[in-house]
Amino acid sequence: MNEQTVHLADSGDTVGAVVGAVGAAGFFALLIVVVWQIAATWRAKMLAAREEQYRQLAIKYQQLLEDNLELHRRSIDELTEARRSITSMEKMMREIE
């Protein structure tokens, strides 16, 4: 009878080991899923932040382009005015001669 008790206890240890192994595997699977989700959330936040930076950069580029266009228009106006003045001065010089 003593051998039967030992045999039953040995069988119970095997079942306990299997249950422990399945529990540990489940725990590690849960841990992997949690880490994976944290990484996915972090990546999504980084992508959103990068998208915002691109949007800000596009707005800044648009403003700089508009400023550059305005400076170009002013330069053309000043050049046109200078040409008119030079033409007028040339005309006066011809009349004086």
PDB file of N, CA and C in Angstrom:
ATOM      1  N   MET A   1       0.810  -1.184   0.000  1.00  0.00           N
ATOM      2  CA  MET A   1       0.000   0.000   0.000  1.00  0.00           C
ATOM      3  C   MET A   1       0.859   1.256   0.000  1.00  0.00           C
ATOM      4  N   ASN A   2       1.930   1.178   0.617  1.00  0.00           N
ATOM      5  CA  ASN A   2       2.832   2.305   0.667  1.00  0.00           C
ATOM      6  C   ASN A   2       3.345   2.621  -0.730  1.00  0.00           C
ATOM      7  N   GLU A   3       3.589   1.602  -1.535  1.00  0.00           N
ATOM      8  CA  GLU A   3       4.039   1.823  -2.905  1.00  0.00           C
ATOM      9  C   GLU A   3       2.960   2.493  -3.735  1.00  0.00           C
ATOM     10  N   GLN A   4       1.700   2.144  -3.511  1.00  0.00           N
ATOM     11  CA  GLN A   4       0.604   2.775  -4.248  1.00  0.00           C
ATOM     12  C   GLN A   4       0.518   4.256  -3.920  1.00  0.00           C
ATOM     13  N   THR A   5       0.674   4.633  -2.716  1.00  0.00           N
ATOM     14  CA  THR A   5       0.612   6.021  -2.313  1.00  0.00           C
ATOM     15  C   THR A   5       1.736   6.811  -2.974  1.00  0.00           C
ATOM     16  N   VAL A   6       2.895   6.230  -2.983  1.00  0.00           N
ATOM     17  CA  VAL A   6       4.023   6.900  -3.621  1.00  0.00           C
ATOM     18  C   VAL A   6       3.752   7.026  -5.113  1.00  0.00           C
ATOM     19  N   HIS A   7       3.210   6.005  -5.689  1.00  0.00           N
ATOM     20  CA  HIS A   7       2.910   6.023  -7.121  1.00  0.00           C
ATOM     21  C   HIS A   7       1.857   7.088  -7.445  1.00  0.00           C
ATOM     22  N   LEU A   8       0.833   7.217  -6.637  1.00  0.00           N
ATOM     23  CA  LEU A   8      -0.195   8.227  -6.862  1.00  0.00           C
ATOM     24  C   LEU A   8       0.380   9.628  -6.673  1.00  0.00           C
ATOM     25  N   ALA A   9       1.246   9.803  -5.717  1.00  0.00           N
ATOM     26  CA  ALA A   9       1.857  11.105  -5.493  1.00  0.00           C
ATOM     27  C   ALA A   9       2.751  11.470  -6.671  1.00  0.00           C
ATOM     28  N   ASP A  10       3.446  10.489  -7.208  1.00  0.00           N
ATOM     29  CA  ASP A  10       4.311  10.733  -8.353  1.00  0.00           C
ATOM     30  C   ASP A  10       3.473  11.133  -9.561  1.00  0.00           C
ATOM     31  N   SER A  11       2.334  10.519  -9.760  1.00  0.00           N
ATOM     32  CA  SER A  11       1.437  10.863 -10.862  1.00  0.00           C
ATOM     33  C   SER A  11       0.886  12.272 -10.679  1.00  0.00           C
ATOM     34  N   GLY A  12       0.601  12.671  -9.474  1.00  0.00           N
ATOM     35  CA  GLY A  12       0.110  14.009  -9.183  1.00  0.00           C
ATOM     36  C   GLY A  12       1.169  15.062  -9.432  1.00  0.00           C
ATOM     37  N   ASP A  13       2.425  14.749  -9.164  1.00  0.00           N
ATOM     38  CA  ASP A  13       3.507  15.693  -9.430  1.00  0.00           C
ATOM     39  C   ASP A  13       3.655  15.943 -10.924  1.00  0.00           C
ATOM     40  N   THR A  14       3.447  14.928 -11.728  1.00  0.00           N
ATOM     41  CA  THR A  14       3.539  15.087 -13.179  1.00  0.00           C
ATOM     42  C   THR A  14       2.435  16.004 -13.677  1.00  0.00           C
ATOM     43  N   VAL A  15       1.237  15.799 -13.166  1.00  0.00           N
ATOM     44  CA  VAL A  15       0.123  16.661 -13.564  1.00  0.00           C
ATOM     45  C   VAL A  15       0.375  18.090 -13.098  1.00  0.00           C
ATOM     46  N   GLY A  16       0.896  18.233 -11.902  1.00  0.00           N
ATOM     47  CA  GLY A  16       1.216  19.566 -11.387  1.00  0.00           C
ATOM     48  C   GLY A  16       2.294  20.244 -12.213  1.00  0.00           C
ATOM     49  N   ALA A  17       3.268  19.465 -12.657  1.00  0.00           N
ATOM     50  CA  ALA A  17       4.332  20.028 -13.491  1.00  0.00           C
ATOM     51  C   ALA A  17       3.771  20.477 -14.835  1.00  0.00           C
ATOM     52  N   VAL A  18       2.867  19.687 -15.394  1.00  0.00           N
ATOM     53  CA  VAL A  18       2.250  20.054 -16.675  1.00  0.00           C
ATOM     54  C   VAL A  18       1.407  21.312 -16.500  1.00  0.00           C
ATOM     55  N   VAL A  19       0.634  21.360 -15.434  1.00  0.00           N
ATOM     56  CA  VAL A  19      -0.183  22.546 -15.173  1.00  0.00           C
ATOM     57  C   VAL A  19       0.711  23.766 -14.962  1.00  0.00           C
ATOM     58  N   GLY A  20       1.799  23.594 -14.245  1.00  0.00           N
ATOM     59  CA  GLY A  20       2.737  24.700 -14.035  1.00  0.00           C
ATOM     60  C   GLY A  20       3.366  25.159 -15.343  1.00  0.00           C
ATOM     61  N   ALA A  21       3.721  24.204 -16.191  1.00  0.00           N
ATOM     62  CA  ALA A  21       4.325  24.555 -17.480  1.00  0.00           C
ATOM     63  C   ALA A  21       3.325  25.293 -18.362  1.00  0.00           C
ATOM     64  N   VAL A  22       2.079  24.820 -18.381  1.00  0.00           N
ATOM     65  CA  VAL A  22       1.046  25.496 -19.176  1.00  0.00           C
ATOM     66  C   VAL A  22       0.778  26.890 -18.611  1.00  0.00           C
ATOM     67  N   GLY A  23       0.747  26.997 -17.296  1.00  0.00           N
ATOM     68  CA  GLY A  23       0.543  28.306 -16.669  1.00  0.00           C
ATOM     69  C   GLY A  23       1.688  29.261 -16.974  1.00  0.00           C
ATOM     70  N   ALA A  24       2.915  28.765 -16.908  1.00  0.00           N
ATOM     71  CA  ALA A  24       4.075  29.607 -17.219  1.00  0.00           C
ATOM     72  C   ALA A  24       4.045  30.031 -18.680  1.00  0.00           C
ATOM     73  N   ALA A  25       3.690  29.093 -19.568  1.00  0.00           N
ATOM     74  CA  ALA A  25       3.605  29.437 -20.996  1.00  0.00           C
ATOM     75  C   ALA A  25       2.523  30.490 -21.228  1.00  0.00           C
ATOM     76  N   GLY A  26       1.399  30.349 -20.544  1.00  0.00           N
ATOM     77  CA  GLY A  26       0.333  31.343 -20.663  1.00  0.00           C
ATOM     78  C   GLY A  26       0.771  32.701 -20.143  1.00  0.00           C
ATOM     79  N   PHE A  27       1.475  32.701 -19.028  1.00  0.00           N
ATOM     80  CA  PHE A  27       1.972  33.961 -18.462  1.00  0.00           C
ATOM     81  C   PHE A  27       2.941  34.643 -19.423  1.00  0.00           C
ATOM     82  N   PHE A  28       3.877  33.866 -19.977  1.00  0.00           N
ATOM     83  CA  PHE A  28       4.834  34.455 -20.912  1.00  0.00           C
ATOM     84  C   PHE A  28       4.152  34.919 -22.195  1.00  0.00           C
ATOM     85  N   ALA A  29       3.131  34.180 -22.633  1.00  0.00           N
ATOM     86  CA  ALA A  29       2.377  34.618 -23.811  1.00  0.00           C
ATOM     87  C   ALA A  29       1.669  35.943 -23.519  1.00  0.00           C
ATOM     88  N   LEU A  30       1.079  36.047 -22.340  1.00  0.00           N
ATOM     89  CA  LEU A  30       0.426  37.295 -21.945  1.00  0.00           C
ATOM     90  C   LEU A  30       1.446  38.428 -21.861  1.00  0.00           C
ATOM     91  N   LEU A  31       2.604  38.153 -21.300  1.00  0.00           N
ATOM     92  CA  LEU A  31       3.657  39.155 -21.192  1.00  0.00           C
ATOM     93  C   LEU A  31       4.111  39.618 -22.582  1.00  0.00           C
ATOM     94  N   ILE A  32       4.247  38.680 -23.507  1.00  0.00           N
ATOM     95  CA  ILE A  32       4.643  39.033 -24.878  1.00  0.00           C
ATOM     96  C   ILE A  32       3.586  39.908 -25.531  1.00  0.00           C
ATOM     97  N   VAL A  33       2.322  39.564 -25.349  1.00  0.00           N
ATOM     98  CA  VAL A  33       1.240  40.361 -25.939  1.00  0.00           C
ATOM     99  C   VAL A  33       1.224  41.766 -25.350  1.00  0.00           C
ATOM    100  N   VAL A  34       1.424  41.886 -24.046  1.00  0.00           N
ATOM    101  CA  VAL A  34       1.427  43.205 -23.403  1.00  0.00           C
ATOM    102  C   VAL A  34       2.590  44.046 -23.923  1.00  0.00           C
ATOM    103  N   VAL A  35       3.777  43.459 -24.000  1.00  0.00           N
ATOM    104  CA  VAL A  35       4.939  44.195 -24.508  1.00  0.00           C
ATOM    105  C   VAL A  35       4.709  44.583 -25.964  1.00  0.00           C
ATOM    106  N   TRP A  36       4.150  43.662 -26.747  1.00  0.00           N
ATOM    107  CA  TRP A  36       3.868  43.944 -28.166  1.00  0.00           C
ATOM    108  C   TRP A  36       2.905  45.124 -28.303  1.00  0.00           C
ATOM    109  N   GLN A  37       1.871  45.156 -27.489  1.00  0.00           N
ATOM    110  CA  GLN A  37       0.886  46.239 -27.558  1.00  0.00           C
ATOM    111  C   GLN A  37       1.491  47.566 -27.107  1.00  0.00           C
ATOM    112  N   ILE A  38       2.333  47.527 -26.099  1.00  0.00           N
ATOM    113  CA  ILE A  38       3.003  48.759 -25.661  1.00  0.00           C
ATOM    114  C   ILE A  38       3.888  49.286 -26.781  1.00  0.00           C
ATOM    115  N   ALA A  39       4.612  48.390 -27.442  1.00  0.00           N
ATOM    116  CA  ALA A  39       5.469  48.808 -28.553  1.00  0.00           C
ATOM    117  C   ALA A  39       4.636  49.360 -29.709  1.00  0.00           C
ATOM    118  N   ALA A  40       3.508  48.728 -30.003  1.00  0.00           N
ATOM    119  CA  ALA A  40       2.646  49.209 -31.087  1.00  0.00           C
ATOM    120  C   ALA A  40       2.064  50.582 -30.752  1.00  0.00           C
ATOM    121  N   THR A  41       1.679  50.787 -29.511  1.00  0.00           N
ATOM    122  CA  THR A  41       1.154  52.087 -29.088  1.00  0.00           C
ATOM    123  C   THR A  41       2.232  53.158 -29.183  1.00  0.00           C
ATOM    124  N   TRP A  42       3.433  52.831 -28.736  1.00  0.00           N
ATOM    125  CA  TRP A  42       4.553  53.775 -28.813  1.00  0.00           C
ATOM    126  C   TRP A  42       4.849  54.130 -30.264  1.00  0.00           C
ATOM    127  N   ARG A  43       4.838  53.131 -31.134  1.00  0.00           N
ATOM    128  CA  ARG A  43       5.102  53.383 -32.559  1.00  0.00           C
ATOM    129  C   ARG A  43       4.018  54.280 -33.156  1.00  0.00           C
ATOM    130  N   ALA A  44       2.767  54.040 -32.797  1.00  0.00           N
ATOM    131  CA  ALA A  44       1.675  54.874 -33.309  1.00  0.00           C
ATOM    132  C   ALA A  44       1.836  56.320 -32.843  1.00  0.00           C
ATOM    133  N   LYS A  45       2.243  56.509 -31.601  1.00  0.00           N
ATOM    134  CA  LYS A  45       2.463  57.870 -31.097  1.00  0.00           C
ATOM    135  C   LYS A  45       3.610  58.544 -31.836  1.00  0.00           C
ATOM    136  N   MET A  46       4.672  57.798 -32.101  1.00  0.00           N
ATOM    137  CA  MET A  46       5.813  58.360 -32.831  1.00  0.00           C
ATOM    138  C   MET A  46       5.406  58.742 -34.260  1.00  0.00           C
ATOM    139  N   LEU A  47       4.608  57.896 -34.906  1.00  0.00           N
ATOM    140  CA  LEU A  47       4.150  58.210 -36.259  1.00  0.00           C
ATOM    141  C   LEU A  47       3.254  59.441 -36.263  1.00  0.00           C
ATOM    142  N   ALA A  48       2.401  59.561 -35.252  1.00  0.00           N
ATOM    143  CA  ALA A  48       1.536  60.740 -35.163  1.00  0.00           C
ATOM    144  C   ALA A  48       2.367  61.997 -34.929  1.00  0.00           C
ATOM    145  N   ALA A  49       3.379  61.897 -34.085  1.00  0.00           N
ATOM    146  CA  ALA A  49       4.249  63.051 -33.828  1.00  0.00           C
ATOM    147  C   ALA A  49       5.017  63.427 -35.089  1.00  0.00           C
ATOM    148  N   ARG A  50       5.487  62.438 -35.829  1.00  0.00           N
ATOM    149  CA  ARG A  50       6.210  62.715 -37.069  1.00  0.00           C
ATOM    150  C   ARG A  50       5.282  63.359 -38.094  1.00  0.00           C
ATOM    151  N   GLU A  51       4.056  62.883 -38.156  1.00  0.00           N
ATOM    152  CA  GLU A  51       3.081  63.474 -39.082  1.00  0.00           C
ATOM    153  C   GLU A  51       2.829  64.941 -38.727  1.00  0.00           C
ATOM    154  N   GLU A  52       2.744  65.231 -37.439  1.00  0.00           N
ATOM    155  CA  GLU A  52       2.554  66.616 -36.992  1.00  0.00           C
ATOM    156  C   GLU A  52       3.765  67.470 -37.364  1.00  0.00           C
ATOM    157  N   GLN A  53       4.964  66.919 -37.213  1.00  0.00           N
ATOM    158  CA  GLN A  53       6.168  67.659 -37.593  1.00  0.00           C
ATOM    159  C   GLN A  53       6.174  67.939 -39.098  1.00  0.00           C
ATOM    160  N   TYR A  54       5.766  66.960 -39.901  1.00  0.00           N
ATOM    161  CA  TYR A  54       5.693  67.173 -41.349  1.00  0.00           C
ATOM    162  C   TYR A  54       4.678  68.261 -41.689  1.00  0.00           C
ATOM    163  N   ARG A  55       3.563  68.260 -40.981  1.00  0.00           N
ATOM    164  CA  ARG A  55       2.540  69.274 -41.223  1.00  0.00           C
ATOM    165  C   ARG A  55       3.078  70.661 -40.874  1.00  0.00           C
ATOM    166  N   GLN A  56       3.753  70.771 -39.738  1.00  0.00           N
ATOM    167  CA  GLN A  56       4.349  72.051 -39.336  1.00  0.00           C
ATOM    168  C   GLN A  56       5.395  72.505 -40.354  1.00  0.00           C
ATOM    169  N   LEU A  57       6.190  71.563 -40.840  1.00  0.00           N
ATOM    170  CA  LEU A  57       7.216  71.886 -41.829  1.00  0.00           C
ATOM    171  C   LEU A  57       6.583  72.365 -43.131  1.00  0.00           C
ATOM    172  N   ALA A  58       5.490  71.733 -43.535  1.00  0.00           N
ATOM    173  CA  ALA A  58       4.803  72.155 -44.758  1.00  0.00           C
ATOM    174  C   ALA A  58       4.229  73.562 -44.608  1.00  0.00           C
ATOM    175  N   ILE A  59       3.679  73.868 -43.444  1.00  0.00           N
ATOM    176  CA  ILE A  59       3.139  75.209 -43.201  1.00  0.00           C
ATOM    177  C   ILE A  59       4.263  76.239 -43.227  1.00  0.00           C
ATOM    178  N   LYS A  60       5.388  75.920 -42.588  1.00  0.00           N
ATOM    179  CA  LYS A  60       6.524  76.839 -42.578  1.00  0.00           C
ATOM    180  C   LYS A  60       7.057  77.046 -43.996  1.00  0.00           C
ATOM    181  N   TYR A  61       7.142  75.973 -44.769  1.00  0.00           N
ATOM    182  CA  TYR A  61       7.609  76.073 -46.153  1.00  0.00           C
ATOM    183  C   TYR A  61       6.673  76.950 -46.976  1.00  0.00           C
ATOM    184  N   GLN A  62       5.383  76.795 -46.768  1.00  0.00           N
ATOM    185  CA  GLN A  62       4.410  77.611 -47.493  1.00  0.00           C
ATOM    186  C   GLN A  62       4.587  79.090 -47.145  1.00  0.00           C
ATOM    187  N   GLN A  63       4.774  79.396 -45.870  1.00  0.00           N
ATOM    188  CA  GLN A  63       4.974  80.785 -45.458  1.00  0.00           C
ATOM    189  C   GLN A  63       6.262  81.363 -46.045  1.00  0.00           C
ATOM    190  N   LEU A  64       7.326  80.572 -46.020  1.00  0.00           N
ATOM    191  CA  LEU A  64       8.587  81.043 -46.595  1.00  0.00           C
ATOM    192  C   LEU A  64       8.460  81.261 -48.100  1.00  0.00           C
ATOM    193  N   LEU A  65       7.725  80.396 -48.756  1.00  0.00           N
ATOM    194  CA  LEU A  65       7.517  80.546 -50.193  1.00  0.00           C
ATOM    195  C   LEU A  65       6.721  81.811 -50.502  1.00  0.00           C
ATOM    196  N   GLU A  66       5.706  82.092 -49.696  1.00  0.00           N
ATOM    197  CA  GLU A  66       4.929  83.316 -49.887  1.00  0.00           C
ATOM    198  C   GLU A  66       5.795  84.553 -49.628  1.00  0.00           C
ATOM    199  N   ASP A  67       6.630  84.497 -48.590  1.00  0.00           N
ATOM    200  CA  ASP A  67       7.539  85.618 -48.309  1.00  0.00           C
ATOM    201  C   ASP A  67       8.520  85.826 -49.458  1.00  0.00           C
ATOM    202  N   ASN A  68       9.040  84.736 -49.984  1.00  0.00           N
ATOM    203  CA  ASN A  68       9.977  84.821 -51.095  1.00  0.00           C
ATOM    204  C   ASN A  68       9.299  85.408 -52.330  1.00  0.00           C
ATOM    205  N   LEU A  69       8.064  85.018 -52.569  1.00  0.00           N
ATOM    206  CA  LEU A  69       7.313  85.552 -53.703  1.00  0.00           C
ATOM    207  C   LEU A  69       7.095  87.056 -53.540  1.00  0.00           C
ATOM    208  N   GLU A  70       6.777  87.487 -52.328  1.00  0.00           N
ATOM    209  CA  GLU A  70       6.585  88.916 -52.069  1.00  0.00           C
ATOM    210  C   GLU A  70       7.891  89.689 -52.284  1.00  0.00           C
ATOM    211  N   LEU A  71       8.997  89.144 -51.813  1.00  0.00           N
ATOM    212  CA  LEU A  71      10.294  89.795 -52.037  1.00  0.00           C
ATOM    213  C   LEU A  71      10.618  89.869 -53.531  1.00  0.00           C
ATOM    214  N   HIS A  72      10.285  88.833 -54.253  1.00  0.00           N
ATOM    215  CA  HIS A  72      10.515  88.822 -55.701  1.00  0.00           C
ATOM    216  C   HIS A  72       9.677  89.909 -56.384  1.00  0.00           C
ATOM    217  N   ARG A  73       8.437  90.038 -55.975  1.00  0.00           N
ATOM    218  CA  ARG A  73       7.570  91.085 -56.551  1.00  0.00           C
ATOM    219  C   ARG A  73       8.128  92.478 -56.255  1.00  0.00           C
ATOM    220  N   ARG A  74       8.589  92.677 -55.022  1.00  0.00           N
ATOM    221  CA  ARG A  74       9.171  93.979 -54.664  1.00  0.00           C
ATOM    222  C   ARG A  74      10.410  94.265 -55.509  1.00  0.00           C
ATOM    223  N   SER A  75      11.245  93.270 -55.693  1.00  0.00           N
ATOM    224  CA  SER A  75      12.455  93.454 -56.505  1.00  0.00           C
ATOM    225  C   SER A  75      12.096  93.820 -57.935  1.00  0.00           C
ATOM    226  N   ILE A  76      11.099  93.169 -58.479  1.00  0.00           N
ATOM    227  CA  ILE A  76      10.664  93.481 -59.850  1.00  0.00           C
ATOM    228  C   ILE A  76      10.131  94.903 -59.920  1.00  0.00           C
ATOM    229  N   ASP A  77       9.336  95.303 -58.922  1.00  0.00           N
ATOM    230  CA  ASP A  77       8.810  96.674 -58.906  1.00  0.00           C
ATOM    231  C   ASP A  77       9.942  97.700 -58.812  1.00  0.00           C
ATOM    232  N   GLU A  78      10.917  97.437 -57.942  1.00  0.00           N
ATOM    233  CA  GLU A  78      12.042  98.364 -57.801  1.00  0.00           C
ATOM    234  C   GLU A  78      12.874  98.408 -59.082  1.00  0.00           C
ATOM    235  N   LEU A  79      13.068  97.276 -59.715  1.00  0.00           N
ATOM    236  CA  LEU A  79      13.820  97.238 -60.969  1.00  0.00           C
ATOM    237  C   LEU A  79      13.078  97.987 -62.070  1.00  0.00           C
ATOM    238  N   THR A  80      11.774  97.836 -62.119  1.00  0.00           N
ATOM    239  CA  THR A  80      10.969  98.557 -63.107  1.00  0.00           C
ATOM    240  C   THR A  80      11.073 100.059 -62.874  1.00  0.00           C
ATOM    241  N   GLU A  81      10.987 100.463 -61.617  1.00  0.00           N
ATOM    242  CA  GLU A  81      11.109 101.890 -61.285  1.00  0.00           C
ATOM    243  C   GLU A  81      12.501 102.412 -61.646  1.00  0.00           C
ATOM    244  N   ALA A  82      13.530 101.619 -61.381  1.00  0.00           N
ATOM    245  CA  ALA A  82      14.894 102.034 -61.736  1.00  0.00           C
ATOM    246  C   ALA A  82      15.037 102.169 -63.250  1.00  0.00           C
ATOM    247  N   ARG A  83      14.457 101.269 -64.000  1.00  0.00           N
ATOM    248  CA  ARG A  83      14.517 101.360 -65.468  1.00  0.00           C
ATOM    249  C   ARG A  83      13.819 102.620 -65.968  1.00  0.00           C
ATOM    250  N   ARG A  84      12.678 102.923 -65.362  1.00  0.00           N
ATOM    251  CA  ARG A  84      11.968 104.150 -65.759  1.00  0.00           C
ATOM    252  C   ARG A  84      12.829 105.386 -65.485  1.00  0.00           C
ATOM    253  N   SER A  85      13.443 105.400 -64.307  1.00  0.00           N
ATOM    254  CA  SER A  85      14.295 106.547 -63.958  1.00  0.00           C
ATOM    255  C   SER A  85      15.473 106.658 -64.916  1.00  0.00           C
ATOM    256  N   ILE A  86      16.105 105.546 -65.225  1.00  0.00           N
ATOM    257  CA  ILE A  86      17.248 105.571 -66.141  1.00  0.00           C
ATOM    258  C   ILE A  86      16.811 106.011 -67.528  1.00  0.00           C
ATOM    259  N   THR A  87      15.673 105.518 -67.980  1.00  0.00           N
ATOM    260  CA  THR A  87      15.158 105.923 -69.293  1.00  0.00           C
ATOM    261  C   THR A  87      14.878 107.416 -69.310  1.00  0.00           C
ATOM    262  N   SER A  88      14.289 107.914 -68.236  1.00  0.00           N
ATOM    263  CA  SER A  88      13.997 109.343 -68.144  1.00  0.00           C
ATOM    264  C   SER A  88      15.291 110.157 -68.141  1.00  0.00           C
ATOM    265  N   MET A  89      16.294 109.700 -67.390  1.00  0.00           N
ATOM    266  CA  MET A  89      17.566 110.417 -67.352  1.00  0.00           C
ATOM    267  C   MET A  89      18.256 110.376 -68.715  1.00  0.00           C
ATOM    268  N   GLU A  90      18.200 109.252 -69.400  1.00  0.00           N
ATOM    269  CA  GLU A  90      18.792 109.160 -70.740  1.00  0.00           C
ATOM    270  C   GLU A  90      18.102 110.126 -71.700  1.00  0.00           C
ATOM    271  N   LYS A  91      16.785 110.221 -71.573  1.00  0.00           N
ATOM    272  CA  LYS A  91      16.022 111.123 -72.438  1.00  0.00           C
ATOM    273  C   LYS A  91      16.436 112.570 -72.174  1.00  0.00           C
ATOM    274  N   MET A  92      16.594 112.935 -70.879  1.00  0.00           N
ATOM    275  CA  MET A  92      17.026 114.298 -70.547  1.00  0.00           C
ATOM    276  C   MET A  92      18.437 114.566 -71.067  1.00  0.00           C
ATOM    277  N   MET A  93      19.320 113.591 -70.957  1.00  0.00           N
ATOM    278  CA  MET A  93      20.702 113.764 -71.428  1.00  0.00           C
ATOM    279  C   MET A  93      20.730 113.970 -72.947  1.00  0.00           C
ATOM    280  N   ARG A  94      19.867 113.280 -73.664  1.00  0.00           N
ATOM    281  CA  ARG A  94      19.813 113.449 -75.115  1.00  0.00           C
ATOM    282  C   ARG A  94      19.294 114.837 -75.480  1.00  0.00           C
ATOM    283  N   GLU A  95      18.309 115.308 -74.688  1.00  0.00           N
ATOM    284  CA  GLU A  95      17.747 116.630 -74.971  1.00  0.00           C
ATOM    285  C   GLU A  95      18.771 117.724 -74.682  1.00  0.00           C
ATOM    286  N   ILE A  96      19.602 117.522 -73.671  1.00  0.00           N
ATOM    287  CA  ILE A  96      20.613 118.518 -73.320  1.00  0.00           C
ATOM    288  C   ILE A  96      21.686 118.571 -74.403  1.00  0.00           C
ATOM    289  N   GLU A  97      22.063 117.491 -74.963  1.00  0.00           N
ATOM    290  CA  GLU A  97      23.098 117.463 -75.994  1.00  0.00           C
ATOM    291  C   GLU A  97      22.565 118.070 -77.214  1.00  0.00           C
TER     292      GLU A  97
END
